[in-house]
PDB file of N, CA and C in Angstrom:
ATOM      1  N   MET A   1      -9.402  10.328   6.889  1.00  0.00           N
ATOM      2  CA  MET A   1      -8.909   9.685   5.649  1.00  0.00           C
ATOM      3  C   MET A   1      -7.370  10.285   5.459  1.00  0.00           C
ATOM      4  N   TYR A   2      -6.533   9.597   4.951  1.00  0.00           N
ATOM      5  CA  TYR A   2      -5.070  10.031   4.559  1.00  0.00           C
ATOM      6  C   TYR A   2      -5.133  10.547   3.398  1.00  0.00           C
ATOM      7  N   GLU A   3      -4.827  12.074   3.119  1.00  0.00           N
ATOM      8  CA  GLU A   3      -4.964  12.645   1.911  1.00  0.00           C
ATOM      9  C   GLU A   3      -3.407  12.781   1.583  1.00  0.00           C
ATOM     10  N   PHE A   4      -3.013  12.387   0.452  1.00  0.00           N
ATOM     11  CA  PHE A   4      -1.756  12.651  -0.189  1.00  0.00           C
ATOM     12  C   PHE A   4      -1.879  12.312  -1.596  1.00  0.00           C
ATOM     13  N   PRO A   5      -2.427  13.440  -2.384  1.00  0.00           N
ATOM     14  CA  PRO A   5      -2.609  13.166  -3.787  1.00  0.00           C
ATOM     15  C   PRO A   5      -1.345  12.670  -4.616  1.00  0.00           C
ATOM     16  N   LEU A   6      -1.462  11.803  -5.548  1.00  0.00           N
ATOM     17  CA  LEU A   6      -0.495  11.242  -6.271  1.00  0.00           C
ATOM     18  C   LEU A   6      -0.799  11.599  -7.769  1.00  0.00           C
ATOM     19  N   THR A   7       0.063  12.122  -8.600  1.00  0.00           N
ATOM     20  CA  THR A   7      -0.299  12.237  -9.947  1.00  0.00           C
ATOM     21  C   THR A   7      -0.079  10.913 -10.601  1.00  0.00           C
ATOM     22  N   GLY A   8      -0.454  10.872 -11.901  1.00  0.00           N
ATOM     23  CA  GLY A   8      -0.552   9.633 -12.764  1.00  0.00           C
ATOM     24  C   GLY A   8       0.873   9.225 -12.911  1.00  0.00           C
ATOM     25  N   ALA A   9       1.706  10.271 -13.215  1.00  0.00           N
ATOM     26  CA  ALA A   9       3.189   9.871 -13.278  1.00  0.00           C
ATOM     27  C   ALA A   9       3.751   9.363 -12.051  1.00  0.00           C
ATOM     28  N   GLN A  10       3.489   9.798 -10.990  1.00  0.00           N
ATOM     29  CA  GLN A  10       3.819   9.287  -9.636  1.00  0.00           C
ATOM     30  C   GLN A  10       3.443   7.954  -9.350  1.00  0.00           C
ATOM     31  N   LYS A  11       2.163   7.660  -9.593  1.00  0.00           N
ATOM     32  CA  LYS A  11       1.641   6.150  -9.562  1.00  0.00           C
ATOM     33  C   LYS A  11       2.270   5.321 -10.478  1.00  0.00           C
ATOM     34  N   THR A  12       2.672   5.674 -11.589  1.00  0.00           N
ATOM     35  CA  THR A  12       3.410   4.754 -12.481  1.00  0.00           C
ATOM     36  C   THR A  12       4.719   4.558 -12.084  1.00  0.00           C
ATOM     37  N   TYR A  13       5.436   5.527 -11.552  1.00  0.00           N
ATOM     38  CA  TYR A  13       6.792   5.275 -11.015  1.00  0.00           C
ATOM     39  C   TYR A  13       6.807   4.247  -9.832  1.00  0.00           C
ATOM     40  N   LEU A  14       5.692   4.433  -8.907  1.00  0.00           N
ATOM     41  CA  LEU A  14       5.540   3.571  -7.766  1.00  0.00           C
ATOM     42  C   LEU A  14       5.426   2.235  -8.217  1.00  0.00           C
ATOM     43  N   ARG A  15       4.326   1.950  -9.203  1.00  0.00           N
ATOM     44  CA  ARG A  15       4.185   0.600  -9.530  1.00  0.00           C
ATOM     45  C   ARG A  15       5.535   0.095 -10.227  1.00  0.00           C
ATOM     46  N   GLY A  16       6.300   0.769 -10.848  1.00  0.00           N
ATOM     47  CA  GLY A  16       7.517   0.483 -11.356  1.00  0.00           C
ATOM     48  C   GLY A  16       8.468  -0.081 -10.375  1.00  0.00           C
ATOM     49  N   LEU A  17       8.516   0.645  -9.311  1.00  0.00           N
ATOM     50  CA  LEU A  17       9.172   0.066  -8.130  1.00  0.00           C
ATOM     51  C   LEU A  17       8.654  -1.121  -7.387  1.00  0.00           C
ATOM     52  N   GLY A  18       7.315  -1.136  -7.336  1.00  0.00           N
ATOM     53  CA  GLY A  18       6.627  -2.173  -6.776  1.00  0.00           C
ATOM     54  C   GLY A  18       6.804  -3.590  -7.605  1.00  0.00           C
ATOM     55  N   GLN A  19       7.246  -3.569  -8.813  1.00  0.00           N
ATOM     56  CA  GLN A  19       7.275  -4.758  -9.561  1.00  0.00           C
ATOM     57  C   GLN A  19       8.502  -5.672  -9.077  1.00  0.00           C
ATOM     58  N   ARG A  20       9.420  -4.967  -8.362  1.00  0.00           N
ATOM     59  CA  ARG A  20      10.510  -5.892  -7.974  1.00  0.00           C
ATOM     60  C   ARG A  20      10.166  -6.318  -6.368  1.00  0.00           C
ATOM     61  N   LEU A  21       9.190  -5.807  -5.709  1.00  0.00           N
ATOM     62  CA  LEU A  21       8.848  -6.053  -4.407  1.00  0.00           C
ATOM     63  C   LEU A  21       8.266  -7.362  -4.378  1.00  0.00           C
ATOM     64  N   GLU A  22       8.429  -8.295  -3.300  1.00  0.00           N
ATOM     65  CA  GLU A  22       7.776  -9.426  -2.918  1.00  0.00           C
ATOM     66  C   GLU A  22       6.623  -8.798  -1.976  1.00  0.00           C
ATOM     67  N   PRO A  23       5.553  -9.370  -1.899  1.00  0.00           N
ATOM     68  CA  PRO A  23       4.414  -9.074  -1.118  1.00  0.00           C
ATOM     69  C   PRO A  23       4.923  -9.249   0.422  1.00  0.00           C
ATOM     70  N   ALA A  24       4.645  -8.259   1.240  1.00  0.00           N
ATOM     71  CA  ALA A  24       5.245  -8.013   2.434  1.00  0.00           C
ATOM     72  C   ALA A  24       4.242  -8.641   3.415  1.00  0.00           C
ATOM     73  N   LEU A  25       2.891  -8.378   3.233  1.00  0.00           N
ATOM     74  CA  LEU A  25       1.999  -8.838   3.777  1.00  0.00           C
ATOM     75  C   LEU A  25       0.708  -9.513   3.208  1.00  0.00           C
ATOM     76  N   LYS A  26      -0.045 -10.566   3.785  1.00  0.00           N
ATOM     77  CA  LYS A  26      -1.137 -11.150   2.989  1.00  0.00           C
ATOM     78  C   LYS A  26      -2.343 -10.963   3.748  1.00  0.00           C
ATOM     79  N   VAL A  27      -3.345 -10.565   3.074  1.00  0.00           N
ATOM     80  CA  VAL A  27      -4.647 -10.435   3.674  1.00  0.00           C
ATOM     81  C   VAL A  27      -5.519 -11.907   3.334  1.00  0.00           C
ATOM     82  N   GLY A  28      -5.806 -12.513   4.250  1.00  0.00           N
ATOM     83  CA  GLY A  28      -6.348 -13.944   4.245  1.00  0.00           C
ATOM     84  C   GLY A  28      -7.947 -13.854   4.709  1.00  0.00           C
ATOM     85  N   LYS A  29      -8.063 -15.117   5.163  1.00  0.00           N
ATOM     86  CA  LYS A  29      -9.631 -15.342   5.431  1.00  0.00           C
ATOM     87  C   LYS A  29      -9.991 -14.571   6.924  1.00  0.00           C
ATOM     88  N   SER A  30      -9.113 -14.176   7.601  1.00  0.00           N
ATOM     89  CA  SER A  30      -9.291 -13.465   8.929  1.00  0.00           C
ATOM     90  C   SER A  30      -9.502 -11.924   8.591  1.00  0.00           C
ATOM     91  N   GLY A  31      -9.155 -11.478   7.295  1.00  0.00           N
ATOM     92  CA  GLY A  31      -9.510 -10.160   7.017  1.00  0.00           C
ATOM     93  C   GLY A  31      -8.505  -9.231   7.514  1.00  0.00           C
ATOM     94  N   LEU A  32      -9.046  -7.910   7.839  1.00  0.00           N
ATOM     95  CA  LEU A  32      -8.346  -6.803   8.306  1.00  0.00           C
ATOM     96  C   LEU A  32      -8.372  -6.824   9.793  1.00  0.00           C
ATOM     97  N   THR A  33      -7.178  -7.371  10.537  1.00  0.00           N
ATOM     98  CA  THR A  33      -7.345  -7.382  11.909  1.00  0.00           C
ATOM     99  C   THR A  33      -6.536  -6.138  12.534  1.00  0.00           C
ATOM    100  N   PRO A  34      -6.532  -5.930  13.696  1.00  0.00           N
ATOM    101  CA  PRO A  34      -5.650  -4.798  14.273  1.00  0.00           C
ATOM    102  C   PRO A  34      -4.405  -5.159  14.146  1.00  0.00           C
ATOM    103  N   GLU A  35      -3.898  -6.596  14.272  1.00  0.00           N
ATOM    104  CA  GLU A  35      -2.485  -6.918  14.104  1.00  0.00           C
ATOM    105  C   GLU A  35      -2.049  -6.674  12.725  1.00  0.00           C
ATOM    106  N   PHE A  36      -2.857  -6.822  11.561  1.00  0.00           N
ATOM    107  CA  PHE A  36      -2.426  -6.598  10.417  1.00  0.00           C
ATOM    108  C   PHE A  36      -2.255  -5.227  10.317  1.00  0.00           C
ATOM    109  N   PHE A  37      -2.890  -4.227  10.689  1.00  0.00           N
ATOM    110  CA  PHE A  37      -2.787  -2.811  10.600  1.00  0.00           C
ATOM    111  C   PHE A  37      -1.579  -2.430  11.466  1.00  0.00           C
ATOM    112  N   LYS A  38      -1.188  -2.924  12.543  1.00  0.00           N
ATOM    113  CA  LYS A  38       0.057  -2.802  13.425  1.00  0.00           C
ATOM    114  C   LYS A  38       1.215  -3.065  12.384  1.00  0.00           C
ATOM    115  N   GLU A  39       0.924  -4.288  11.742  1.00  0.00           N
ATOM    116  CA  GLU A  39       2.316  -4.575  10.909  1.00  0.00           C
ATOM    117  C   GLU A  39       2.398  -3.678   9.666  1.00  0.00           C
ATOM    118  N   LEU A  40       1.211  -3.326   9.003  1.00  0.00           N
ATOM    119  CA  LEU A  40       1.292  -2.566   8.129  1.00  0.00           C
ATOM    120  C   LEU A  40       1.865  -1.233   8.357  1.00  0.00           C
ATOM    121  N   GLN A  41       1.704  -0.557   9.401  1.00  0.00           N
ATOM    122  CA  GLN A  41       2.164   0.787   9.978  1.00  0.00           C
ATOM    123  C   GLN A  41       3.539   0.375  10.194  1.00  0.00           C
ATOM    124  N   ARG A  42       4.082  -0.750  10.716  1.00  0.00           N
ATOM    125  CA  ARG A  42       5.584  -1.045  10.889  1.00  0.00           C
ATOM    126  C   ARG A  42       6.271  -0.747   9.508  1.00  0.00           C
ATOM    127  N   VAL A  43       5.707  -1.718   8.479  1.00  0.00           N
ATOM    128  CA  VAL A  43       6.354  -1.689   7.273  1.00  0.00           C
ATOM    129  C   VAL A  43       6.419  -0.396   6.393  1.00  0.00           C
ATOM    130  N   LEU A  44       5.223   0.242   6.658  1.00  0.00           N
ATOM    131  CA  LEU A  44       5.051   1.643   5.914  1.00  0.00           C
ATOM    132  C   LEU A  44       6.103   2.470   6.400  1.00  0.00           C
ATOM    133  N   ASN A  45       6.464   2.676   7.693  1.00  0.00           N
ATOM    134  CA  ASN A  45       7.355   3.514   8.372  1.00  0.00           C
ATOM    135  C   ASN A  45       8.551   3.190   8.074  1.00  0.00           C
ATOM    136  N   ARG A  46       9.009   1.786   7.841  1.00  0.00           N
ATOM    137  CA  ARG A  46      10.332   1.328   7.377  1.00  0.00           C
ATOM    138  C   ARG A  46      10.574   1.652   5.970  1.00  0.00           C
ATOM    139  N   ASP A  47       9.617   1.114   5.142  1.00  0.00           N
ATOM    140  CA  ASP A  47       9.989   1.207   3.864  1.00  0.00           C
ATOM    141  C   ASP A  47       9.058   2.274   2.863  1.00  0.00           C
ATOM    142  N   GLU A  48       7.992   2.745   3.419  1.00  0.00           N
ATOM    143  CA  GLU A  48       7.228   3.684   2.577  1.00  0.00           C
ATOM    144  C   GLU A  48       6.391   2.922   1.514  1.00  0.00           C
ATOM    145  N   LEU A  49       6.710   2.004   1.002  1.00  0.00           N
ATOM    146  CA  LEU A  49       6.051   1.296  -0.192  1.00  0.00           C
ATOM    147  C   LEU A  49       5.763  -0.099   0.212  1.00  0.00           C
ATOM    148  N   VAL A  50       4.692  -0.589   0.221  1.00  0.00           N
ATOM    149  CA  VAL A  50       4.395  -1.982   0.604  1.00  0.00           C
ATOM    150  C   VAL A  50       3.409  -2.815  -0.429  1.00  0.00           C
ATOM    151  N   LYS A  51       3.782  -3.961  -0.694  1.00  0.00           N
ATOM    152  CA  LYS A  51       3.024  -4.806  -1.604  1.00  0.00           C
ATOM    153  C   LYS A  51       2.132  -5.875  -0.866  1.00  0.00           C
ATOM    154  N   LEU A  52       0.844  -5.884  -1.157  1.00  0.00           N
ATOM    155  CA  LEU A  52      -0.058  -6.672  -0.241  1.00  0.00           C
ATOM    156  C   LEU A  52      -0.410  -7.766  -1.254  1.00  0.00           C
ATOM    157  N   ARG A  53      -0.828  -8.811  -0.883  1.00  0.00           N
ATOM    158  CA  ARG A  53      -1.365  -9.992  -1.729  1.00  0.00           C
ATOM    159  C   ARG A  53      -2.675 -10.282  -0.915  1.00  0.00           C
ATOM    160  N   PHE A  54      -3.771 -10.533  -1.620  1.00  0.00           N
ATOM    161  CA  PHE A  54      -5.128 -10.874  -1.175  1.00  0.00           C
ATOM    162  C   PHE A  54      -5.290 -12.210  -1.500  1.00  0.00           C
ATOM    163  N   LEU A  55      -5.653 -12.961  -0.435  1.00  0.00           N
ATOM    164  CA  LEU A  55      -5.923 -14.423  -0.751  1.00  0.00           C
ATOM    165  C   LEU A  55      -7.506 -14.831  -0.738  1.00  0.00           C
ATOM    166  N   GLY A  56      -7.902 -15.218  -1.709  1.00  0.00           N
ATOM    167  CA  GLY A  56      -9.260 -15.595  -1.913  1.00  0.00           C
ATOM    168  C   GLY A  56     -10.188 -14.613  -1.906  1.00  0.00           C
ATOM    169  N   ALA A  57      -9.995 -13.431  -2.199  1.00  0.00           N
ATOM    170  CA  ALA A  57     -10.992 -12.291  -2.284  1.00  0.00           C
ATOM    171  C   ALA A  57     -11.398 -12.241  -3.810  1.00  0.00           C
ATOM    172  N   ASP A  58     -12.785 -11.949  -4.108  1.00  0.00           N
ATOM    173  CA  ASP A  58     -13.092 -11.652  -5.497  1.00  0.00           C
ATOM    174  C   ASP A  58     -12.925 -10.235  -5.688  1.00  0.00           C
ATOM    175  N   ARG A  59     -13.104  -9.793  -6.962  1.00  0.00           N
ATOM    176  CA  ARG A  59     -12.836  -8.575  -7.459  1.00  0.00           C
ATOM    177  C   ARG A  59     -13.477  -7.377  -6.703  1.00  0.00           C
ATOM    178  N   ASP A  60     -14.778  -7.445  -6.387  1.00  0.00           N
ATOM    179  CA  ASP A  60     -15.450  -6.149  -5.714  1.00  0.00           C
ATOM    180  C   ASP A  60     -14.881  -6.288  -4.161  1.00  0.00           C
ATOM    181  N   GLU A  61     -14.405  -7.430  -3.540  1.00  0.00           N
ATOM    182  CA  GLU A  61     -14.177  -7.552  -2.165  1.00  0.00           C
ATOM    183  C   GLU A  61     -12.764  -6.675  -2.125  1.00  0.00           C
ATOM    184  N   ARG A  62     -11.904  -7.138  -3.303  1.00  0.00           N
ATOM    185  CA  ARG A  62     -10.504  -6.550  -3.313  1.00  0.00           C
ATOM    186  C   ARG A  62     -10.564  -4.958  -3.286  1.00  0.00           C
ATOM    187  N   ALA A  63     -11.579  -4.687  -4.070  1.00  0.00           N
ATOM    188  CA  ALA A  63     -11.717  -2.970  -4.201  1.00  0.00           C
ATOM    189  C   ALA A  63     -12.049  -2.521  -2.766  1.00  0.00           C
ATOM    190  N   GLU A  64     -12.960  -3.044  -2.243  1.00  0.00           N
ATOM    191  CA  GLU A  64     -13.497  -2.599  -0.843  1.00  0.00           C
ATOM    192  C   GLU A  64     -12.134  -2.697   0.364  1.00  0.00           C
ATOM    193  N   LEU A  65     -11.523  -3.689   0.149  1.00  0.00           N
ATOM    194  CA  LEU A  65     -10.371  -3.958   0.856  1.00  0.00           C
ATOM    195  C   LEU A  65      -9.175  -2.943   0.848  1.00  0.00           C
ATOM    196  N   CYS A  66      -9.029  -2.550  -0.622  1.00  0.00           N
ATOM    197  CA  CYS A  66      -8.075  -1.615  -0.735  1.00  0.00           C
ATOM    198  C   CYS A  66      -8.518  -0.045  -0.295  1.00  0.00           C
ATOM    199  N   ASP A  67      -9.641   0.069  -0.374  1.00  0.00           N
ATOM    200  CA  ASP A  67     -10.150   1.344   0.368  1.00  0.00           C
ATOM    201  C   ASP A  67     -10.268   1.392   1.743  1.00  0.00           C
ATOM    202  N   ALA A  68     -10.325   0.299   2.415  1.00  0.00           N
ATOM    203  CA  ALA A  68     -10.371  -0.022   3.812  1.00  0.00           C
ATOM    204  C   ALA A  68      -9.017   0.306   4.326  1.00  0.00           C
ATOM    205  N   ILE A  69      -8.126  -0.415   3.621  1.00  0.00           N
ATOM    206  CA  ILE A  69      -6.645  -0.286   4.042  1.00  0.00           C
ATOM    207  C   ILE A  69      -6.228   1.100   3.737  1.00  0.00           C
ATOM    208  N   ALA A  70      -6.412   1.821   2.874  1.00  0.00           N
ATOM    209  CA  ALA A  70      -5.888   2.988   2.708  1.00  0.00           C
ATOM    210  C   ALA A  70      -6.598   4.061   3.743  1.00  0.00           C
ATOM    211  N   ASP A  71      -7.829   3.833   3.891  1.00  0.00           N
ATOM    212  CA  ASP A  71      -8.394   4.694   5.105  1.00  0.00           C
ATOM    213  C   ASP A  71      -7.799   4.381   6.360  1.00  0.00           C
ATOM    214  N   GLU A  72      -7.834   3.239   6.786  1.00  0.00           N
ATOM    215  CA  GLU A  72      -7.396   2.772   8.266  1.00  0.00           C
ATOM    216  C   GLU A  72      -5.784   2.908   8.235  1.00  0.00           C
ATOM    217  N   GLY A  73      -5.142   2.447   7.329  1.00  0.00           N
ATOM    218  CA  GLY A  73      -3.710   2.584   7.228  1.00  0.00           C
ATOM    219  C   GLY A  73      -2.887   3.812   7.005  1.00  0.00           C
ATOM    220  N   ARG A  74      -3.749   4.921   6.793  1.00  0.00           N
ATOM    221  CA  ARG A  74      -3.230   6.186   6.338  1.00  0.00           C
ATOM    222  C   ARG A  74      -2.279   6.147   5.302  1.00  0.00           C
ATOM    223  N   CYS A  75      -2.663   5.454   4.165  1.00  0.00           N
ATOM    224  CA  CYS A  75      -1.819   5.418   3.166  1.00  0.00           C
ATOM    225  C   CYS A  75      -2.620   5.622   1.797  1.00  0.00           C
ATOM    226  N   VAL A  76      -1.832   5.686   0.609  1.00  0.00           N
ATOM    227  CA  VAL A  76      -2.603   5.771  -0.599  1.00  0.00           C
ATOM    228  C   VAL A  76      -2.209   4.454  -1.475  1.00  0.00           C
ATOM    229  N   CYS A  77      -3.381   3.961  -2.135  1.00  0.00           N
ATOM    230  CA  CYS A  77      -3.294   2.827  -3.050  1.00  0.00           C
ATOM    231  C   CYS A  77      -2.617   3.347  -4.220  1.00  0.00           C
ATOM    232  N   ALA A  78      -1.422   2.796  -4.818  1.00  0.00           N
ATOM    233  CA  ALA A  78      -0.746   3.135  -5.920  1.00  0.00           C
ATOM    234  C   ALA A  78      -1.170   2.436  -6.880  1.00  0.00           C
ATOM    235  N   GLY A  79      -1.745   1.309  -6.833  1.00  0.00           N
ATOM    236  CA  GLY A  79      -2.284   0.414  -7.926  1.00  0.00           C
ATOM    237  C   GLY A  79      -2.684  -0.809  -7.319  1.00  0.00           C
ATOM    238  N   ALA A  80      -3.685  -1.628  -8.053  1.00  0.00           N
ATOM    239  CA  ALA A  80      -3.917  -2.888  -7.768  1.00  0.00           C
ATOM    240  C   ALA A  80      -4.210  -3.493  -9.033  1.00  0.00           C
ATOM    241  N   VAL A  81      -3.712  -4.963  -9.155  1.00  0.00           N
ATOM    242  CA  VAL A  81      -3.940  -5.638 -10.223  1.00  0.00           C
ATOM    243  C   VAL A  81      -3.994  -7.180  -9.880  1.00  0.00           C
ATOM    244  N   GLY A  82      -5.211  -7.671 -10.135  1.00  0.00           N
ATOM    245  CA  GLY A  82      -5.350  -9.043  -9.681  1.00  0.00           C
ATOM    246  C   GLY A  82      -5.546  -9.069  -8.119  1.00  0.00           C
ATOM    247  N   HIS A  83      -4.730  -9.919  -7.541  1.00  0.00           N
ATOM    248  CA  HIS A  83      -4.631 -10.166  -6.125  1.00  0.00           C
ATOM    249  C   HIS A  83      -3.648  -9.511  -5.400  1.00  0.00           C
ATOM    250  N   THR A  84      -3.027  -8.582  -6.110  1.00  0.00           N
ATOM    251  CA  THR A  84      -1.974  -7.750  -5.504  1.00  0.00           C
ATOM    252  C   THR A  84      -2.257  -6.187  -5.565  1.00  0.00           C
ATOM    253  N   ALA A  85      -1.855  -5.602  -4.379  1.00  0.00           N
ATOM    254  CA  ALA A  85      -1.906  -4.196  -4.475  1.00  0.00           C
ATOM    255  C   ALA A  85      -0.786  -3.421  -3.774  1.00  0.00           C
ATOM    256  N   LEU A  86      -0.552  -2.280  -4.121  1.00  0.00           N
ATOM    257  CA  LEU A  86       0.608  -1.475  -3.648  1.00  0.00           C
ATOM    258  C   LEU A  86       0.014  -0.270  -2.951  1.00  0.00           C
ATOM    259  N   PHE A  87       0.526  -0.013  -1.729  1.00  0.00           N
ATOM    260  CA  PHE A  87       0.259   0.954  -1.059  1.00  0.00           C
ATOM    261  C   PHE A  87       1.587   1.927  -0.654  1.00  0.00           C
ATOM    262  N   TYR A  88       1.486   3.267  -0.550  1.00  0.00           N
ATOM    263  CA  TYR A  88       2.386   4.096  -0.431  1.00  0.00           C
ATOM    264  C   TYR A  88       2.195   5.214   0.614  1.00  0.00           C
ATOM    265  N   ARG A  89       3.174   5.472   1.584  1.00  0.00           N
ATOM    266  CA  ARG A  89       2.939   6.658   2.365  1.00  0.00           C
ATOM    267  C   ARG A  89       4.326   7.384   2.579  1.00  0.00           C
ATOM    268  N   GLN A  90       4.263   8.652   2.369  1.00  0.00           N
ATOM    269  CA  GLN A  90       5.647   9.384   2.425  1.00  0.00           C
ATOM    270  C   GLN A  90       6.026   9.327   3.879  1.00  0.00           C
ATOM    271  N   ASN A  91       7.358   9.249   4.095  1.00  0.00           N
ATOM    272  CA  ASN A  91       7.856   9.551   5.428  1.00  0.00           C
ATOM    273  C   ASN A  91       7.999  10.942   5.963  1.00  0.00           C
ATOM    274  N   PRO A  92       7.412  11.433   6.956  1.00  0.00           N
ATOM    275  CA  PRO A  92       7.272  12.843   7.217  1.00  0.00           C
ATOM    276  C   PRO A  92       8.780  13.456   7.387  1.00  0.00           C
ATOM    277  N   ASP A  93       9.588  12.669   7.711  1.00  0.00           N
ATOM    278  CA  ASP A  93      11.015  13.137   7.922  1.00  0.00           C
ATOM    279  C   ASP A  93      11.663  12.997   6.301  1.00  0.00           C
ATOM    280  N   PRO A  94      12.011  14.256   5.827  1.00  0.00           N
ATOM    281  CA  PRO A  94      12.635  13.992   4.442  1.00  0.00           C
ATOM    282  C   PRO A  94      13.950  13.508   4.488  1.00  0.00           C
ATOM    283  N   GLU A  95      14.687  13.310   5.446  1.00  0.00           N
ATOM    284  CA  GLU A  95      16.155  12.605   5.630  1.00  0.00           C
ATOM    285  C   GLU A  95      16.026  11.109   5.755  1.00  0.00           C
ATOM    286  N   ARG A  96      14.720  10.505   6.102  1.00  0.00           N
ATOM    287  CA  ARG A  96      14.418   9.240   6.117  1.00  0.00           C
ATOM    288  C   ARG A  96      13.634   8.610   5.106  1.00  0.00           C
ATOM    289  N   ARG A  97      13.309   9.435   3.966  1.00  0.00           N
ATOM    290  CA  ARG A  97      12.738   9.069   2.913  1.00  0.00           C
ATOM    291  C   ARG A  97      13.530   8.184   2.117  1.00  0.00           C
ATOM    292  N   LYS A  98      12.847   7.033   1.585  1.00  0.00           N
ATOM    293  CA  LYS A  98      13.487   6.088   0.680  1.00  0.00           C
ATOM    294  C   LYS A  98      12.979   6.246  -0.682  1.00  0.00           C
ATOM    295  N   VAL A  99      11.812   6.751  -0.865  1.00  0.00           N
ATOM    296  CA  VAL A  99      11.193   6.697  -2.324  1.00  0.00           C
ATOM    297  C   VAL A  99      11.319   8.352  -2.491  1.00  0.00           C
ATOM    298  N   ILE A 100      11.917   8.638  -3.667  1.00  0.00           N
ATOM    299  CA  ILE A 100      11.856   9.974  -4.147  1.00  0.00           C
ATOM    300  C   ILE A 100      11.010  10.040  -5.162  1.00  0.00           C
ATOM    301  N   LEU A 101       9.797  10.647  -5.071  1.00  0.00           N
ATOM    302  CA  LEU A 101       8.801  10.787  -6.126  1.00  0.00           C
ATOM    303  C   LEU A 101       9.265  11.820  -7.246  1.00  0.00           C
ATOM    304  N   PRO A 102       8.902  11.615  -8.671  1.00  0.00           N
ATOM    305  CA  PRO A 102       9.075  12.550  -9.491  1.00  0.00           C
ATOM    306  C   PRO A 102       8.180  13.534  -9.476  1.00  0.00           C
ATOM    307  N   GLU A 103       8.381  14.712  -9.817  1.00  0.00           N
ATOM    308  CA  GLU A 103       7.458  15.867  -9.787  1.00  0.00           C
ATOM    309  C   GLU A 103       6.498  15.844 -10.981  1.00  0.00           C
TER     310      GLU A 103
END
């Protein structure tokens, strides 16, 4: 499991940044496939912050999907509202970081 603790203020900051993002990936009826995780890794490596859209999943299923994506994708769920979730993974190279988190 990916461990990168975020404070409440940092999650709020990330959700503010995420409001302007369009969903980069969609989770549909095929669910979480290896291709989905490959694309998620590509987007997280490039942007650090990714917005996902869940199509046709109920509330409990969306919560389970968020946990599975965070575990398998080695990222942190910064927030989930309705059919949309926001995931973050900090770039290990400080010079390539696009998102600077508040302390």
